[in-house]
Amino acid sequence: MPNASGVIANKRADGKSIQIDGEWYGAFAPAMLAHANVGDSVSFEYAETAGKGAYAGRMFRNIRGVVKVAGGGSAPVGGSMSTPTAQKPGDPPLHTQRCIIRQSAVNAAIAFHSNNPERTIEEVLATAQIIEAYTSGDADVAAVKEEMGVS
């Protein structure tokens, strides 16, 4: 598998692709790139895949495994990053997209449990965490990491 390394010049708003030296590399889920930001120096393996159907004739570079961040660069310049949202002091910031996913997951969990008013908030939040992991792609990333033996 080919290796790529360099400084991230751009990151798609959906968090699933990064650009290095003019080339775009895609990830299966945004969680695979959540720790990598515009300006960071990264390295990773990727696989080239030929497009099919409407994408015939195009070559895609799909990130495989873990993206290693070697060092942080400058703050995002021209990148498409979400704005961090403040939490309790000392907590890592959540990006706007993650907050939206969480809010949606809580709403879905409340709707799921609406027929059973005896559910506790802890049970509703546990359901919301499962929904969040699924919709954000975290569950998929965890499964791939487990399959690869990466912690």
C-alpha atoms as a PDB file:
ATOM      1  CA  MET A   1       0.000   0.000   0.000  1.00  0.00           C
ATOM      2  CA  PRO A   2       1.363   3.458  -0.828  1.00  0.00           C
ATOM      3  CA  ASN A   3       2.215   5.910   1.953  1.00  0.00           C
ATOM      4  CA  ALA A   4       1.401   9.608   1.999  1.00  0.00           C
ATOM      5  CA  SER A   5       2.753  12.343   4.223  1.00  0.00           C
ATOM      6  CA  GLY A   6       2.719  16.093   4.341  1.00  0.00           C
ATOM      7  CA  VAL A   7       0.909  19.086   5.759  1.00  0.00           C
ATOM      8  CA  ILE A   8      -2.873  19.196   5.501  1.00  0.00           C
ATOM      9  CA  ALA A   9      -3.754  22.144   3.268  1.00  0.00           C
ATOM     10  CA  ASN A  10      -7.537  21.699   3.369  1.00  0.00           C
ATOM     11  CA  LYS A  11     -10.206  19.554   5.002  1.00  0.00           C
ATOM     12  CA  ARG A  12     -13.728  19.069   3.674  1.00  0.00           C
ATOM     13  CA  ALA A  13     -16.537  20.417   5.849  1.00  0.00           C
ATOM     14  CA  ASP A  14     -17.915  16.898   6.359  1.00  0.00           C
ATOM     15  CA  GLY A  15     -14.529  15.838   7.785  1.00  0.00           C
ATOM     16  CA  LYS A  16     -14.112  12.871   5.437  1.00  0.00           C
ATOM     17  CA  SER A  17     -11.344  14.152   3.133  1.00  0.00           C
ATOM     18  CA  ILE A  18      -8.051  15.983   3.454  1.00  0.00           C
ATOM     19  CA  GLN A  19      -5.838  17.638   0.854  1.00  0.00           C
ATOM     20  CA  ILE A  20      -2.054  17.316   0.854  1.00  0.00           C
ATOM     21  CA  ASP A  21       0.146  18.732  -1.923  1.00  0.00           C
ATOM     22  CA  GLY A  22      -2.888  19.251  -4.160  1.00  0.00           C
ATOM     23  CA  GLU A  23      -4.115  15.648  -3.830  1.00  0.00           C
ATOM     24  CA  TRP A  24      -7.299  14.648  -1.987  1.00  0.00           C
ATOM     25  CA  TYR A  25      -7.449  11.580   0.288  1.00  0.00           C
ATOM     26  CA  GLY A  26     -10.753  10.213   1.588  1.00  0.00           C
ATOM     27  CA  ALA A  27     -11.660   8.490   4.848  1.00  0.00           C
ATOM     28  CA  PHE A  28     -14.416   5.975   5.529  1.00  0.00           C
ATOM     29  CA  ALA A  29     -15.751   8.055   8.433  1.00  0.00           C
ATOM     30  CA  PRO A  30     -15.079  11.588   9.759  1.00  0.00           C
ATOM     31  CA  ALA A  31     -13.878  10.103  13.063  1.00  0.00           C
ATOM     32  CA  MET A  32     -10.814   8.744  11.245  1.00  0.00           C
ATOM     33  CA  LEU A  33      -9.686  12.327  10.620  1.00  0.00           C
ATOM     34  CA  ALA A  34     -11.161  14.027  13.701  1.00  0.00           C
ATOM     35  CA  HIS A  35      -7.726  14.498  15.284  1.00  0.00           C
ATOM     36  CA  ALA A  36      -6.090  15.801  12.081  1.00  0.00           C
ATOM     37  CA  ASN A  37      -6.523  19.474  11.259  1.00  0.00           C
ATOM     38  CA  VAL A  38      -5.446  21.940   8.589  1.00  0.00           C
ATOM     39  CA  GLY A  39      -1.783  22.754   9.183  1.00  0.00           C
ATOM     40  CA  ASP A  40      -0.967  19.407  10.831  1.00  0.00           C
ATOM     41  CA  SER A  41       1.848  17.263   9.487  1.00  0.00           C
ATOM     42  CA  VAL A  42       0.449  13.756   8.944  1.00  0.00           C
ATOM     43  CA  SER A  43       1.377  10.370   7.506  1.00  0.00           C
ATOM     44  CA  PHE A  44      -0.787   7.393   6.565  1.00  0.00           C
ATOM     45  CA  GLU A  45      -1.286   4.529   4.147  1.00  0.00           C
ATOM     46  CA  TYR A  46      -3.845   4.678   1.366  1.00  0.00           C
ATOM     47  CA  ALA A  47      -5.221   2.516  -1.406  1.00  0.00           C
ATOM     48  CA  GLU A  48      -5.984   3.730  -4.904  1.00  0.00           C
ATOM     49  CA  THR A  49      -9.366   2.633  -6.177  1.00  0.00           C
ATOM     50  CA  ALA A  50     -10.759   3.169  -9.664  1.00  0.00           C
ATOM     51  CA  GLY A  51     -14.161   4.819  -9.774  1.00  0.00           C
ATOM     52  CA  LYS A  52     -17.158   2.929 -11.120  1.00  0.00           C
ATOM     53  CA  GLY A  53     -20.377   3.954 -12.834  1.00  0.00           C
ATOM     54  CA  ALA A  54     -20.668   7.745 -12.976  1.00  0.00           C
ATOM     55  CA  TYR A  55     -17.158   7.952 -11.468  1.00  0.00           C
ATOM     56  CA  ALA A  56     -15.489   5.719 -14.089  1.00  0.00           C
ATOM     57  CA  GLY A  57     -12.148   7.100 -15.181  1.00  0.00           C
ATOM     58  CA  ARG A  58     -11.437   8.720 -11.803  1.00  0.00           C
ATOM     59  CA  MET A  59      -8.939   7.430  -9.269  1.00  0.00           C
ATOM     60  CA  PHE A  60      -9.737   7.666  -5.564  1.00  0.00           C
ATOM     61  CA  ARG A  61      -7.176   7.624  -2.748  1.00  0.00           C
ATOM     62  CA  ASN A  62      -8.794   5.931   0.255  1.00  0.00           C
ATOM     63  CA  ILE A  63      -7.066   6.264   3.618  1.00  0.00           C
ATOM     64  CA  ARG A  64      -6.338   2.921   5.298  1.00  0.00           C
ATOM     65  CA  GLY A  65      -5.594   2.479   8.963  1.00  0.00           C
ATOM     66  CA  VAL A  66      -4.604   5.245  11.329  1.00  0.00           C
ATOM     67  CA  VAL A  67      -3.655   8.782  10.288  1.00  0.00           C
ATOM     68  CA  LYS A  68      -0.598   9.716  12.352  1.00  0.00           C
ATOM     69  CA  VAL A  69      -0.262  13.375  13.286  1.00  0.00           C
ATOM     70  CA  ALA A  70       3.443  14.198  13.538  1.00  0.00           C
ATOM     71  CA  GLY A  71       3.040  17.777  14.626  1.00  0.00           C
ATOM     72  CA  GLY A  72       0.615  20.638  14.650  1.00  0.00           C
ATOM     73  CA  GLY A  73       0.983  23.464  12.249  1.00  0.00           C
ATOM     74  CA  SER A  74      -0.662  26.813  12.242  1.00  0.00           C
ATOM     75  CA  ALA A  75      -4.313  27.493  12.846  1.00  0.00           C
ATOM     76  CA  PRO A  76      -6.608  26.558   9.959  1.00  0.00           C
ATOM     77  CA  VAL A  77      -6.070  28.824   6.977  1.00  0.00           C
ATOM     78  CA  GLY A  78      -8.530  28.407   4.152  1.00  0.00           C
ATOM     79  CA  GLY A  79      -9.645  25.055   5.533  1.00  0.00           C
ATOM     80  CA  SER A  80     -13.219  24.008   6.082  1.00  0.00           C
ATOM     81  CA  MET A  81     -13.108  23.281   9.801  1.00  0.00           C
ATOM     82  CA  SER A  82     -16.066  23.484  12.150  1.00  0.00           C
ATOM     83  CA  THR A  83     -15.936  25.993  14.961  1.00  0.00           C
ATOM     84  CA  PRO A  84     -15.127  24.490  18.370  1.00  0.00           C
ATOM     85  CA  THR A  85     -17.911  24.804  20.929  1.00  0.00           C
ATOM     86  CA  ALA A  86     -17.018  25.605  24.528  1.00  0.00           C
ATOM     87  CA  GLN A  87     -17.800  23.142  27.309  1.00  0.00           C
ATOM     88  CA  LYS A  88     -16.680  23.005  30.923  1.00  0.00           C
ATOM     89  CA  PRO A  89     -13.245  24.570  31.498  1.00  0.00           C
ATOM     90  CA  GLY A  90     -10.506  22.034  30.823  1.00  0.00           C
ATOM     91  CA  ASP A  91     -12.648  19.829  28.576  1.00  0.00           C
ATOM     92  CA  PRO A  92     -11.589  19.433  24.949  1.00  0.00           C
ATOM     93  CA  PRO A  93     -13.804  21.512  22.647  1.00  0.00           C
ATOM     94  CA  LEU A  94     -16.493  19.829  20.597  1.00  0.00           C
ATOM     95  CA  HIS A  95     -16.824  20.914  17.003  1.00  0.00           C
ATOM     96  CA  THR A  96     -20.170  22.250  15.866  1.00  0.00           C
ATOM     97  CA  GLN A  97     -20.881  19.178  13.740  1.00  0.00           C
ATOM     98  CA  ARG A  98     -20.343  16.863  16.736  1.00  0.00           C
ATOM     99  CA  CYS A  99     -22.729  18.991  18.825  1.00  0.00           C
ATOM    100  CA  ILE A 100     -25.363  18.713  16.104  1.00  0.00           C
ATOM    101  CA  ILE A 101     -24.918  14.926  15.960  1.00  0.00           C
ATOM    102  CA  ARG A 102     -25.264  14.701  19.748  1.00  0.00           C
ATOM    103  CA  GLN A 103     -28.356  16.881  19.849  1.00  0.00           C
ATOM    104  CA  SER A 104     -29.947  14.808  17.105  1.00  0.00           C
ATOM    105  CA  ALA A 105     -29.030  11.578  18.937  1.00  0.00           C
ATOM    106  CA  VAL A 106     -30.591  12.820  22.181  1.00  0.00           C
ATOM    107  CA  ASN A 107     -33.785  13.805  20.331  1.00  0.00           C
ATOM    108  CA  ALA A 108     -33.933  10.364  18.696  1.00  0.00           C
ATOM    109  CA  ALA A 109     -33.345   8.650  22.058  1.00  0.00           C
ATOM    110  CA  ILE A 110     -36.122  10.694  23.681  1.00  0.00           C
ATOM    111  CA  ALA A 111     -38.477   9.736  20.843  1.00  0.00           C
ATOM    112  CA  PHE A 112     -37.419   6.090  21.132  1.00  0.00           C
ATOM    113  CA  HIS A 113     -38.177   6.044  24.861  1.00  0.00           C
ATOM    114  CA  SER A 114     -41.312   8.249  24.692  1.00  0.00           C
ATOM    115  CA  ASN A 115     -43.665   5.283  25.143  1.00  0.00           C
ATOM    116  CA  ASN A 116     -41.992   4.347  28.420  1.00  0.00           C
ATOM    117  CA  PRO A 117     -42.067   7.325  30.840  1.00  0.00           C
ATOM    118  CA  GLU A 118     -40.368   5.201  33.517  1.00  0.00           C
ATOM    119  CA  ARG A 119     -37.005   5.355  31.715  1.00  0.00           C
ATOM    120  CA  THR A 120     -34.305   7.241  33.561  1.00  0.00           C
ATOM    121  CA  ILE A 121     -32.216   9.984  32.021  1.00  0.00           C
ATOM    122  CA  GLU A 122     -29.225   7.645  32.216  1.00  0.00           C
ATOM    123  CA  GLU A 123     -31.049   5.076  30.037  1.00  0.00           C
ATOM    124  CA  VAL A 124     -32.028   7.772  27.521  1.00  0.00           C
ATOM    125  CA  LEU A 125     -28.440   9.087  27.388  1.00  0.00           C
ATOM    126  CA  ALA A 126     -27.063   5.547  26.990  1.00  0.00           C
ATOM    127  CA  THR A 127     -29.342   5.119  23.966  1.00  0.00           C
ATOM    128  CA  ALA A 128     -28.247   8.541  22.657  1.00  0.00           C
ATOM    129  CA  GLN A 129     -24.585   7.491  22.934  1.00  0.00           C
ATOM    130  CA  ILE A 130     -25.267   4.394  20.847  1.00  0.00           C
ATOM    131  CA  ILE A 131     -27.067   6.499  18.217  1.00  0.00           C
ATOM    132  CA  GLU A 132     -24.254   9.082  18.244  1.00  0.00           C
ATOM    133  CA  ALA A 133     -21.571   6.423  17.761  1.00  0.00           C
ATOM    134  CA  TYR A 134     -23.501   5.007  14.823  1.00  0.00           C
ATOM    135  CA  THR A 135     -24.333   8.300  13.082  1.00  0.00           C
ATOM    136  CA  SER A 136     -20.886   9.864  13.583  1.00  0.00           C
ATOM    137  CA  GLY A 137     -19.061   6.798  12.283  1.00  0.00           C
ATOM    138  CA  ASP A 138     -17.287   6.248  15.631  1.00  0.00           C
ATOM    139  CA  ALA A 139     -18.748   2.734  15.864  1.00  0.00           C
ATOM    140  CA  ASP A 140     -17.370   1.898  12.408  1.00  0.00           C
ATOM    141  CA  VAL A 141     -13.931   3.283  13.270  1.00  0.00           C
ATOM    142  CA  ALA A 142     -13.900   1.336  16.547  1.00  0.00           C
ATOM    143  CA  ALA A 143     -14.789  -1.866  14.657  1.00  0.00           C
ATOM    144  CA  VAL A 144     -12.003  -1.281  12.109  1.00  0.00           C
ATOM    145  CA  LYS A 145      -9.483  -0.518  14.870  1.00  0.00           C
ATOM    146  CA  GLU A 146     -10.511  -3.660  16.736  1.00  0.00           C
ATOM    147  CA  GLU A 147     -10.205  -5.708  13.551  1.00  0.00           C
ATOM    148  CA  MET A 148      -6.748  -4.236  12.917  1.00  0.00           C
ATOM    149  CA  GLY A 149      -5.672  -4.675  16.529  1.00  0.00           C
ATOM    150  CA  VAL A 150      -5.085  -0.939  16.955  1.00  0.00           C
ATOM    151  CA  SER A 151      -6.031   0.741  20.221  1.00  0.00           C
END
